[in-house]
C-alpha atoms as a PDB file:
ATOM      1  CA  MET A   1      71.218  94.206  98.049  1.00  0.00           C
ATOM      2  CA  LYS A   2      71.116  90.611  99.289  1.00  0.00           C
ATOM      3  CA  ILE A   3      72.873  89.336 102.423  1.00  0.00           C
ATOM      4  CA  GLN A   4      75.333  86.506 101.825  1.00  0.00           C
ATOM      5  CA  LYS A   5      76.853  86.343 105.298  1.00  0.00           C
ATOM      6  CA  ILE A   6      76.525  88.290 108.552  1.00  0.00           C
ATOM      7  CA  LEU A   7      79.918  89.123 110.107  1.00  0.00           C
ATOM      8  CA  ASN A   8      78.501  91.031 113.082  1.00  0.00           C
ATOM      9  CA  ASN A   9      75.619  93.362 113.871  1.00  0.00           C
ATOM     10  CA  ASN A  10      77.188  96.127 111.796  1.00  0.00           C
ATOM     11  CA  VAL A  11      78.966  94.314 108.940  1.00  0.00           C
ATOM     12  CA  VAL A  12      77.637  91.928 106.295  1.00  0.00           C
ATOM     13  CA  ILE A  13      78.820  90.380 103.063  1.00  0.00           C
ATOM     14  CA  ALA A  14      76.250  91.030 100.367  1.00  0.00           C
ATOM     15  CA  ARG A  15      75.553  90.857  96.650  1.00  0.00           C
ATOM     16  CA  ASP A  16      74.910  94.244  95.107  1.00  0.00           C
ATOM     17  CA  GLU A  17      72.598  95.152  92.231  1.00  0.00           C
ATOM     18  CA  ASN A  18      75.195  93.857  89.749  1.00  0.00           C
ATOM     19  CA  ASP A  19      75.600  90.549  91.624  1.00  0.00           C
ATOM     20  CA  LYS A  20      79.037  91.658  92.839  1.00  0.00           C
ATOM     21  CA  GLU A  21      80.148  90.540  96.295  1.00  0.00           C
ATOM     22  CA  VAL A  22      80.779  93.492  98.603  1.00  0.00           C
ATOM     23  CA  ILE A  23      81.375  94.255 102.271  1.00  0.00           C
ATOM     24  CA  VAL A  24      78.703  96.566 103.650  1.00  0.00           C
ATOM     25  CA  MET A  25      79.021  98.362 106.970  1.00  0.00           C
ATOM     26  CA  SER A  26      76.270 100.288 108.731  1.00  0.00           C
ATOM     27  CA  LYS A  27      74.977 100.592 112.291  1.00  0.00           C
ATOM     28  CA  GLY A  28      72.716  97.626 113.123  1.00  0.00           C
ATOM     29  CA  LEU A  29      72.693  96.372 109.523  1.00  0.00           C
ATOM     30  CA  GLY A  30      73.147  92.728 110.528  1.00  0.00           C
ATOM     31  CA  PHE A  31      70.968  92.848 113.640  1.00  0.00           C
ATOM     32  CA  ARG A  32      68.151  90.276 113.470  1.00  0.00           C
ATOM     33  CA  LYS A  33      68.924  89.648 109.807  1.00  0.00           C
ATOM     34  CA  LYS A  34      69.632  86.314 108.110  1.00  0.00           C
ATOM     35  CA  GLN A  35      71.240  85.050 104.935  1.00  0.00           C
ATOM     36  CA  GLY A  36      69.116  85.860 101.896  1.00  0.00           C
ATOM     37  CA  ASP A  37      67.487  88.973 103.374  1.00  0.00           C
ATOM     38  CA  ILE A  38      67.195  91.958 101.034  1.00  0.00           C
ATOM     39  CA  PHE A  39      68.073  95.479 102.158  1.00  0.00           C
ATOM     40  CA  PRO A  40      68.228  98.817 100.281  1.00  0.00           C
ATOM     41  CA  ARG A  41      71.403 100.783  99.607  1.00  0.00           C
ATOM     42  CA  ASP A  42      71.573 104.129 101.447  1.00  0.00           C
ATOM     43  CA  ASN A  43      74.033 106.949 102.128  1.00  0.00           C
ATOM     44  CA  THR A  44      74.888 105.771 105.650  1.00  0.00           C
ATOM     45  CA  GLN A  45      76.491 102.557 104.389  1.00  0.00           C
ATOM     46  CA  LYS A  46      80.203 102.094 103.766  1.00  0.00           C
ATOM     47  CA  ILE A  47      80.683  99.676 100.888  1.00  0.00           C
ATOM     48  CA  PHE A  48      83.984  98.195  99.702  1.00  0.00           C
ATOM     49  CA  VAL A  49      85.301  95.221  97.771  1.00  0.00           C
ATOM     50  CA  LEU A  50      88.012  92.855  99.028  1.00  0.00           C
ATOM     51  CA  SER A  51      90.044  90.272  97.153  1.00  0.00           C
ATOM     52  CA  ASP A  52      89.260  86.645  98.036  1.00  0.00           C
ATOM     53  CA  GLU A  53      92.484  86.270 100.034  1.00  0.00           C
ATOM     54  CA  VAL A  54      91.918  89.407 102.088  1.00  0.00           C
ATOM     55  CA  LYS A  55      88.176  88.765 102.499  1.00  0.00           C
ATOM     56  CA  GLY A  56      88.767  85.441 104.246  1.00  0.00           C
ATOM     57  CA  GLN A  57      91.139  87.025 106.746  1.00  0.00           C
ATOM     58  CA  TYR A  58      88.801  90.002 107.187  1.00  0.00           C
ATOM     59  CA  ASP A  59      85.882  87.659 107.955  1.00  0.00           C
ATOM     60  CA  GLN A  60      87.906  85.999 110.715  1.00  0.00           C
ATOM     61  CA  LEU A  61      89.064  89.306 112.143  1.00  0.00           C
ATOM     62  CA  ILE A  62      85.619  90.907 112.211  1.00  0.00           C
ATOM     63  CA  SER A  63      84.077  87.915 113.952  1.00  0.00           C
ATOM     64  CA  SER A  64      86.298  88.471 116.989  1.00  0.00           C
ATOM     65  CA  ALA A  65      87.276  92.180 116.823  1.00  0.00           C
ATOM     66  CA  ASP A  66      85.682  95.035 118.730  1.00  0.00           C
ATOM     67  CA  PRO A  67      82.929  96.363 116.400  1.00  0.00           C
ATOM     68  CA  MET A  68      84.167  99.874 117.082  1.00  0.00           C
ATOM     69  CA  ALA A  69      87.544  98.984 115.548  1.00  0.00           C
ATOM     70  CA  ALA A  70      86.061  98.240 112.120  1.00  0.00           C
ATOM     71  CA  GLU A  71      83.865 101.325 112.249  1.00  0.00           C
ATOM     72  CA  LEU A  72      86.796 103.565 113.170  1.00  0.00           C
ATOM     73  CA  ALA A  73      89.040 102.004 110.524  1.00  0.00           C
ATOM     74  CA  GLU A  74      86.507 102.592 107.755  1.00  0.00           C
ATOM     75  CA  ASP A  75      85.893 106.194 108.819  1.00  0.00           C
ATOM     76  CA  ILE A  76      89.647 106.853 108.771  1.00  0.00           C
ATOM     77  CA  ILE A  77      90.107 105.129 105.391  1.00  0.00           C
ATOM     78  CA  SER A  78      87.185 107.108 103.981  1.00  0.00           C
ATOM     79  CA  TYR A  79      88.790 110.345 105.218  1.00  0.00           C
ATOM     80  CA  ALA A  80      92.141 109.385 103.665  1.00  0.00           C
ATOM     81  CA  CYS A  81      90.561 108.661 100.281  1.00  0.00           C
ATOM     82  CA  LYS A  82      88.004 111.458 100.074  1.00  0.00           C
ATOM     83  CA  GLU A  83      89.764 114.301 101.889  1.00  0.00           C
ATOM     84  CA  LYS A  84      93.419 113.489 101.180  1.00  0.00           C
ATOM     85  CA  GLY A  85      93.008 111.851  97.780  1.00  0.00           C
ATOM     86  CA  LEU A  86      94.922 108.661  98.610  1.00  0.00           C
ATOM     87  CA  SER A  87      94.565 105.542  96.494  1.00  0.00           C
ATOM     88  CA  LEU A  88      94.858 102.483  98.735  1.00  0.00           C
ATOM     89  CA  ASN A  89      94.947  98.724  98.265  1.00  0.00           C
ATOM     90  CA  ASP A  90      92.328  96.550  99.960  1.00  0.00           C
ATOM     91  CA  ILE A  91      94.730  95.185 102.584  1.00  0.00           C
ATOM     92  CA  ILE A  92      94.382  98.482 104.483  1.00  0.00           C
ATOM     93  CA  HIS A  93      90.868  97.411 105.587  1.00  0.00           C
ATOM     94  CA  LEU A  94      92.388  94.371 107.284  1.00  0.00           C
ATOM     95  CA  THR A  95      95.581  95.827 108.740  1.00  0.00           C
ATOM     96  CA  LEU A  96      94.105  99.072 110.054  1.00  0.00           C
ATOM     97  CA  THR A  97      91.120  97.315 111.649  1.00  0.00           C
ATOM     98  CA  ASP A  98      93.488  94.852 113.297  1.00  0.00           C
ATOM     99  CA  HIS A  99      95.732  97.680 114.531  1.00  0.00           C
ATOM    100  CA  ILE A 100      92.841  99.663 116.018  1.00  0.00           C
ATOM    101  CA  ASP A 101      91.365  96.532 117.599  1.00  0.00           C
ATOM    102  CA  GLY A 102      94.698  95.914 119.326  1.00  0.00           C
ATOM    103  CA  LEU A 103      94.937  99.585 120.280  1.00  0.00           C
ATOM    104  CA  LEU A 104      91.482  99.565 121.902  1.00  0.00           C
ATOM    105  CA  ASP A 105      92.508  96.483 123.866  1.00  0.00           C
ATOM    106  CA  ARG A 106      95.781  98.115 124.964  1.00  0.00           C
ATOM    107  CA  ILE A 107      93.923 101.242 126.033  1.00  0.00           C
ATOM    108  CA  LYS A 108      91.922  99.168 128.524  1.00  0.00           C
ATOM    109  CA  SER A 109      95.180  97.838 129.981  1.00  0.00           C
ATOM    110  CA  ASN A 110      96.878 101.253 129.790  1.00  0.00           C
ATOM    111  CA  ILE A 111      99.617  99.836 127.537  1.00  0.00           C
ATOM    112  CA  LEU A 112     100.732 102.321 124.877  1.00  0.00           C
ATOM    113  CA  PHE A 113     103.896 102.201 122.795  1.00  0.00           C
ATOM    114  CA  ALA A 114     106.468 104.853 121.898  1.00  0.00           C
ATOM    115  CA  ASN A 115     107.503 105.329 118.281  1.00  0.00           C
ATOM    116  CA  GLN A 116     111.130 106.331 117.755  1.00  0.00           C
ATOM    117  CA  LEU A 117     110.422 107.435 114.175  1.00  0.00           C
ATOM    118  CA  THR A 118     107.546 109.829 114.916  1.00  0.00           C
ATOM    119  CA  MET A 119     109.415 113.034 114.057  1.00  0.00           C
ATOM    120  CA  GLU A 120     110.933 111.556 110.903  1.00  0.00           C
ATOM    121  CA  ILE A 121     107.554 110.289 109.701  1.00  0.00           C
ATOM    122  CA  ARG A 122     105.978 113.678 110.429  1.00  0.00           C
ATOM    123  CA  ARG A 123     108.670 115.416 108.372  1.00  0.00           C
ATOM    124  CA  ALA A 124     108.763 113.009 105.440  1.00  0.00           C
ATOM    125  CA  TYR A 125     105.123 111.895 105.138  1.00  0.00           C
ATOM    126  CA  ARG A 126     103.024 114.889 106.048  1.00  0.00           C
ATOM    127  CA  THR A 127      99.846 113.689 104.333  1.00  0.00           C
ATOM    128  CA  GLU A 128      99.912 110.272 105.991  1.00  0.00           C
ATOM    129  CA  PHE A 129     100.831 111.798 109.342  1.00  0.00           C
ATOM    130  CA  SER A 130      97.917 114.234 109.116  1.00  0.00           C
ATOM    131  CA  ILE A 131      95.658 111.201 108.632  1.00  0.00           C
ATOM    132  CA  GLY A 132      97.223 109.724 111.772  1.00  0.00           C
ATOM    133  CA  LEU A 133      96.395 112.901 113.692  1.00  0.00           C
ATOM    134  CA  TYR A 134      92.813 112.783 112.410  1.00  0.00           C
ATOM    135  CA  ALA A 135      92.649 109.134 113.472  1.00  0.00           C
ATOM    136  CA  ILE A 136      93.817 109.641 117.047  1.00  0.00           C
ATOM    137  CA  ASP A 137      91.403 112.551 117.468  1.00  0.00           C
ATOM    138  CA  LEU A 138      88.545 110.365 116.210  1.00  0.00           C
ATOM    139  CA  ILE A 139      89.535 107.426 118.425  1.00  0.00           C
ATOM    140  CA  GLU A 140      89.864 109.668 121.469  1.00  0.00           C
ATOM    141  CA  LYS A 141      86.371 111.069 120.951  1.00  0.00           C
ATOM    142  CA  ARG A 142      84.675 107.709 120.419  1.00  0.00           C
ATOM    143  CA  ALA A 143      86.662 105.594 122.872  1.00  0.00           C
ATOM    144  CA  GLY A 144      86.832 108.308 125.539  1.00  0.00           C
ATOM    145  CA  CYS A 145      90.573 108.088 126.020  1.00  0.00           C
ATOM    146  CA  LYS A 146      93.779 110.045 125.532  1.00  0.00           C
ATOM    147  CA  LEU A 147      96.326 108.783 123.027  1.00  0.00           C
ATOM    148  CA  PRO A 148      99.997 109.716 122.712  1.00  0.00           C
ATOM    149  CA  TYR A 149     101.250 111.734 119.736  1.00  0.00           C
ATOM    150  CA  ASP A 150     103.315 108.700 118.676  1.00  0.00           C
ATOM    151  CA  GLU A 151     100.149 106.769 117.810  1.00  0.00           C
ATOM    152  CA  ALA A 152      99.583 109.091 114.835  1.00  0.00           C
ATOM    153  CA  ALA A 153     102.870 107.819 113.389  1.00  0.00           C
ATOM    154  CA  PHE A 154     101.879 104.166 113.873  1.00  0.00           C
ATOM    155  CA  ILE A 155      98.629 104.769 112.011  1.00  0.00           C
ATOM    156  CA  ALA A 156     100.408 106.803 109.323  1.00  0.00           C
ATOM    157  CA  LEU A 157     102.605 103.775 108.590  1.00  0.00           C
ATOM    158  CA  HIS A 158      99.564 101.784 107.447  1.00  0.00           C
ATOM    159  CA  PHE A 159      98.824 104.425 104.826  1.00  0.00           C
ATOM    160  CA  ILE A 160     102.456 104.698 103.745  1.00  0.00           C
ATOM    161  CA  ASP A 161     102.663 100.920 103.307  1.00  0.00           C
ATOM    162  CA  ASN A 162      99.352 100.503 101.493  1.00  0.00           C
ATOM    163  CA  ARG A 163      99.307 103.286  98.912  1.00  0.00           C
ATOM    164  CA  THR A 164      98.823 101.921  95.417  1.00  0.00           C
ATOM    165  CA  ASP A 165     100.627 104.820  93.732  1.00  0.00           C
ATOM    166  CA  HIS A 166     103.956 104.650  95.578  1.00  0.00           C
ATOM    167  CA  ALA A 167     103.878 102.136  98.405  1.00  0.00           C
ATOM    168  CA  THR A 168     107.074 101.898 100.448  1.00  0.00           C
ATOM    169  CA  SER A 169     108.381  98.685 101.970  1.00  0.00           C
ATOM    170  CA  SER A 170     109.422  98.703 105.632  1.00  0.00           C
ATOM    171  CA  ALA A 171     113.112  98.378 104.749  1.00  0.00           C
ATOM    172  CA  ASP A 172     112.956 101.150 102.160  1.00  0.00           C
ATOM    173  CA  LEU A 173     110.923 103.340 104.521  1.00  0.00           C
ATOM    174  CA  GLU A 174     113.664 103.202 107.134  1.00  0.00           C
ATOM    175  CA  THR A 175     116.225 104.174 104.490  1.00  0.00           C
ATOM    176  CA  VAL A 176     114.055 107.070 103.277  1.00  0.00           C
ATOM    177  CA  LEU A 177     113.555 108.417 106.813  1.00  0.00           C
ATOM    178  CA  LYS A 178     117.243 108.198 107.684  1.00  0.00           C
ATOM    179  CA  PHE A 179     118.219 109.761 104.366  1.00  0.00           C
ATOM    180  CA  ILE A 180     115.886 112.741 104.802  1.00  0.00           C
ATOM    181  CA  THR A 181     117.061 113.282 108.375  1.00  0.00           C
ATOM    182  CA  ASP A 182     120.726 113.171 107.306  1.00  0.00           C
ATOM    183  CA  ILE A 183     120.216 115.634 104.468  1.00  0.00           C
ATOM    184  CA  THR A 184     118.018 118.149 106.318  1.00  0.00           C
ATOM    185  CA  ARG A 185     120.429 118.179 109.261  1.00  0.00           C
ATOM    186  CA  THR A 186     123.331 118.769 106.888  1.00  0.00           C
ATOM    187  CA  VAL A 187     121.533 121.774 105.393  1.00  0.00           C
ATOM    188  CA  GLU A 188     120.743 123.182 108.857  1.00  0.00           C
ATOM    189  CA  ALA A 189     124.317 122.709 110.034  1.00  0.00           C
ATOM    190  CA  HIS A 190     125.863 124.223 106.889  1.00  0.00           C
ATOM    191  CA  PHE A 191     123.746 127.382 106.996  1.00  0.00           C
ATOM    192  CA  GLY A 192     123.319 127.582 110.784  1.00  0.00           C
ATOM    193  CA  ILE A 193     119.535 127.711 110.519  1.00  0.00           C
ATOM    194  CA  THR A 194     116.458 125.794 111.665  1.00  0.00           C
ATOM    195  CA  LEU A 195     114.270 124.798 108.754  1.00  0.00           C
ATOM    196  CA  ASP A 196     110.582 125.657 108.841  1.00  0.00           C
ATOM    197  CA  GLU A 197     108.932 122.265 108.512  1.00  0.00           C
ATOM    198  CA  ASP A 198     105.567 123.848 107.751  1.00  0.00           C
ATOM    199  CA  SER A 199     106.788 125.850 104.764  1.00  0.00           C
ATOM    200  CA  VAL A 200     105.968 125.037 101.151  1.00  0.00           C
ATOM    201  CA  SER A 201     109.683 124.962 100.283  1.00  0.00           C
ATOM    202  CA  TYR A 202     110.363 122.391 102.990  1.00  0.00           C
ATOM    203  CA  TYR A 203     107.517 120.196 101.743  1.00  0.00           C
ATOM    204  CA  ARG A 204     108.842 120.368  98.182  1.00  0.00           C
ATOM    205  CA  PHE A 205     112.409 119.675  99.338  1.00  0.00           C
ATOM    206  CA  VAL A 206     111.406 116.609 101.349  1.00  0.00           C
ATOM    207  CA  THR A 207     109.243 115.342  98.487  1.00  0.00           C
ATOM    208  CA  HIS A 208     112.248 115.673  96.168  1.00  0.00           C
ATOM    209  CA  LEU A 209     114.416 113.787  98.683  1.00  0.00           C
ATOM    210  CA  LYS A 210     111.894 110.940  98.894  1.00  0.00           C
ATOM    211  CA  TYR A 211     111.972 110.453  95.145  1.00  0.00           C
ATOM    212  CA  LEU A 212     115.753 110.856  95.096  1.00  0.00           C
ATOM    213  CA  THR A 213     116.060 108.103  97.715  1.00  0.00           C
ATOM    214  CA  GLN A 214     113.810 105.827  95.686  1.00  0.00           C
ATOM    215  CA  ARG A 215     115.887 106.492  92.569  1.00  0.00           C
ATOM    216  CA  ILE A 216     119.070 105.701  94.504  1.00  0.00           C
ATOM    217  CA  ILE A 217     117.560 102.458  95.872  1.00  0.00           C
ATOM    218  CA  SER A 218     116.385 101.382  92.421  1.00  0.00           C
ATOM    219  CA  GLY A 219     119.530 102.602  90.652  1.00  0.00           C
ATOM    220  CA  ASN A 220     117.388 104.701  88.306  1.00  0.00           C
ATOM    221  CA  VAL A 221     119.201 108.025  88.755  1.00  0.00           C
ATOM    222  CA  PHE A 222     119.376 110.978  86.370  1.00  0.00           C
ATOM    223  CA  GLN A 223     122.199 111.207  83.846  1.00  0.00           C
ATOM    224  CA  ASP A 224     125.148 113.573  84.081  1.00  0.00           C
ATOM    225  CA  ASP A 225     124.573 117.132  82.859  1.00  0.00           C
ATOM    226  CA  PRO A 226     127.738 119.120  83.662  1.00  0.00           C
ATOM    227  CA  THR A 227     126.534 122.206  81.766  1.00  0.00           C
ATOM    228  CA  LEU A 228     123.410 122.483  83.924  1.00  0.00           C
ATOM    229  CA  PHE A 229     125.407 121.800  87.085  1.00  0.00           C
ATOM    230  CA  ASP A 230     128.095 124.409  86.291  1.00  0.00           C
ATOM    231  CA  SER A 231     125.453 127.026  85.560  1.00  0.00           C
ATOM    232  CA  VAL A 232     123.460 126.384  88.741  1.00  0.00           C
ATOM    233  CA  ALA A 233     126.563 126.088  90.952  1.00  0.00           C
ATOM    234  CA  ALA A 234     127.860 129.419  89.653  1.00  0.00           C
ATOM    235  CA  ALA A 235     124.523 131.086  90.382  1.00  0.00           C
ATOM    236  CA  TYR A 236     124.202 129.649  93.911  1.00  0.00           C
ATOM    237  CA  PRO A 237     127.750 128.994  95.210  1.00  0.00           C
ATOM    238  CA  GLU A 238     126.866 128.540  98.895  1.00  0.00           C
ATOM    239  CA  SER A 239     124.096 126.070  98.149  1.00  0.00           C
ATOM    240  CA  ALA A 240     126.519 124.268  95.843  1.00  0.00           C
ATOM    241  CA  LYS A 241     128.985 123.888  98.741  1.00  0.00           C
ATOM    242  CA  CYS A 242     126.179 122.430 100.860  1.00  0.00           C
ATOM    243  CA  VAL A 243     125.274 119.968  98.111  1.00  0.00           C
ATOM    244  CA  ASP A 244     128.942 118.922  97.918  1.00  0.00           C
ATOM    245  CA  LYS A 245     128.613 117.852 101.565  1.00  0.00           C
ATOM    246  CA  ILE A 246     125.335 116.061 100.797  1.00  0.00           C
ATOM    247  CA  SER A 247     126.955 114.255  97.887  1.00  0.00           C
ATOM    248  CA  THR A 248     129.805 113.121 100.156  1.00  0.00           C
ATOM    249  CA  ILE A 249     127.323 111.767 102.715  1.00  0.00           C
ATOM    250  CA  ILE A 250     125.468 109.845 100.016  1.00  0.00           C
ATOM    251  CA  THR A 251     128.714 108.358  98.739  1.00  0.00           C
ATOM    252  CA  PHE A 252     130.165 107.259 102.074  1.00  0.00           C
ATOM    253  CA  LYS A 253     127.012 106.450 104.063  1.00  0.00           C
ATOM    254  CA  TYR A 254     124.742 105.039 101.361  1.00  0.00           C
ATOM    255  CA  HIS A 255     127.458 103.783  98.982  1.00  0.00           C
ATOM    256  CA  ARG A 256     125.920 105.534  96.008  1.00  0.00           C
ATOM    257  CA  SER A 257     126.965 108.450  93.829  1.00  0.00           C
ATOM    258  CA  ILE A 258     124.607 111.004  92.322  1.00  0.00           C
ATOM    259  CA  SER A 259     124.934 112.570  88.901  1.00  0.00           C
ATOM    260  CA  THR A 260     125.677 116.207  88.185  1.00  0.00           C
ATOM    261  CA  GLU A 261     122.057 116.634  87.110  1.00  0.00           C
ATOM    262  CA  GLU A 262     120.815 115.313  90.490  1.00  0.00           C
ATOM    263  CA  ARG A 263     123.243 117.676  92.225  1.00  0.00           C
ATOM    264  CA  ALA A 264     122.022 120.619  90.148  1.00  0.00           C
ATOM    265  CA  TYR A 265     118.412 120.006  91.184  1.00  0.00           C
ATOM    266  CA  LEU A 266     119.481 119.647  94.815  1.00  0.00           C
ATOM    267  CA  ILE A 267     121.243 123.016  94.642  1.00  0.00           C
ATOM    268  CA  ILE A 268     118.058 124.666  93.372  1.00  0.00           C
ATOM    269  CA  TYR A 269     115.948 123.090  96.125  1.00  0.00           C
ATOM    270  CA  VAL A 270     118.465 123.978  98.842  1.00  0.00           C
ATOM    271  CA  GLU A 271     118.641 127.562  97.597  1.00  0.00           C
ATOM    272  CA  LYS A 272     114.843 127.976  97.678  1.00  0.00           C
ATOM    273  CA  LEU A 273     114.614 126.297 101.070  1.00  0.00           C
ATOM    274  CA  THR A 274     117.312 128.344 102.749  1.00  0.00           C
ATOM    275  CA  ARG A 275     116.120 131.651 101.279  1.00  0.00           C
ATOM    276  CA  GLU A 276     112.715 131.106 102.827  1.00  0.00           C
ATOM    277  CA  SER A 277     114.193 129.978 106.160  1.00  0.00           C
ATOM    278  CA  LYS A 278     116.464 133.020 106.335  1.00  0.00           C
END
């Protein structure tokens, strides 16, 4: 590969074997190198492609950011893609590096923020939150510091916002989190139980609620199916009563109504969830 520009001692812009412009990151890669130098590809390098708009901003950020921030960001992104199977847009390289650079600076000044949505994010976005937990553990080890649990939620937000399969805007995210909290609390109150947030049924229920919220926001809800609803409600009468309460909350708090088919699926999910919790 051929160096086009050196961003810092560890990051360069290069042309690969196919003459494609790429960002290459590796320890000491840019040290004592100059434009036009050739270097071989190896397994220690992290290589990614950025759009022209993002690349310009990334160049500026890397020139002034703590080199550790970019290294940490790429290790976390690599973990999210390879271990968790996430598909991410290229903006994540910019936003996460910037976030970690600011975090490393705040650590030096002992300034750390609280996140009021930590528990909601942990419940609703378990995959992204687990990446946040991996991230704070990695940062603690390399930066020699102790980070609050809330920081995992801040980092998780970058992965929620930048997924290419179902990215969520900030406004919609707040609606999703509030919606899930309202519904899960209604189920707990109706049955007098505490839901097991680590159970498979809980994960499936919350996943269903996320997609239900998105359908409500977009107006793309299921059609009415009274036959299905009547059959399911007769089979699970107590869960049906709980879903009646949920339907009322959706109507009065979110100014939307859900079809009988949506209600039927909710009954099934509530029944499975509460059976396991009991």
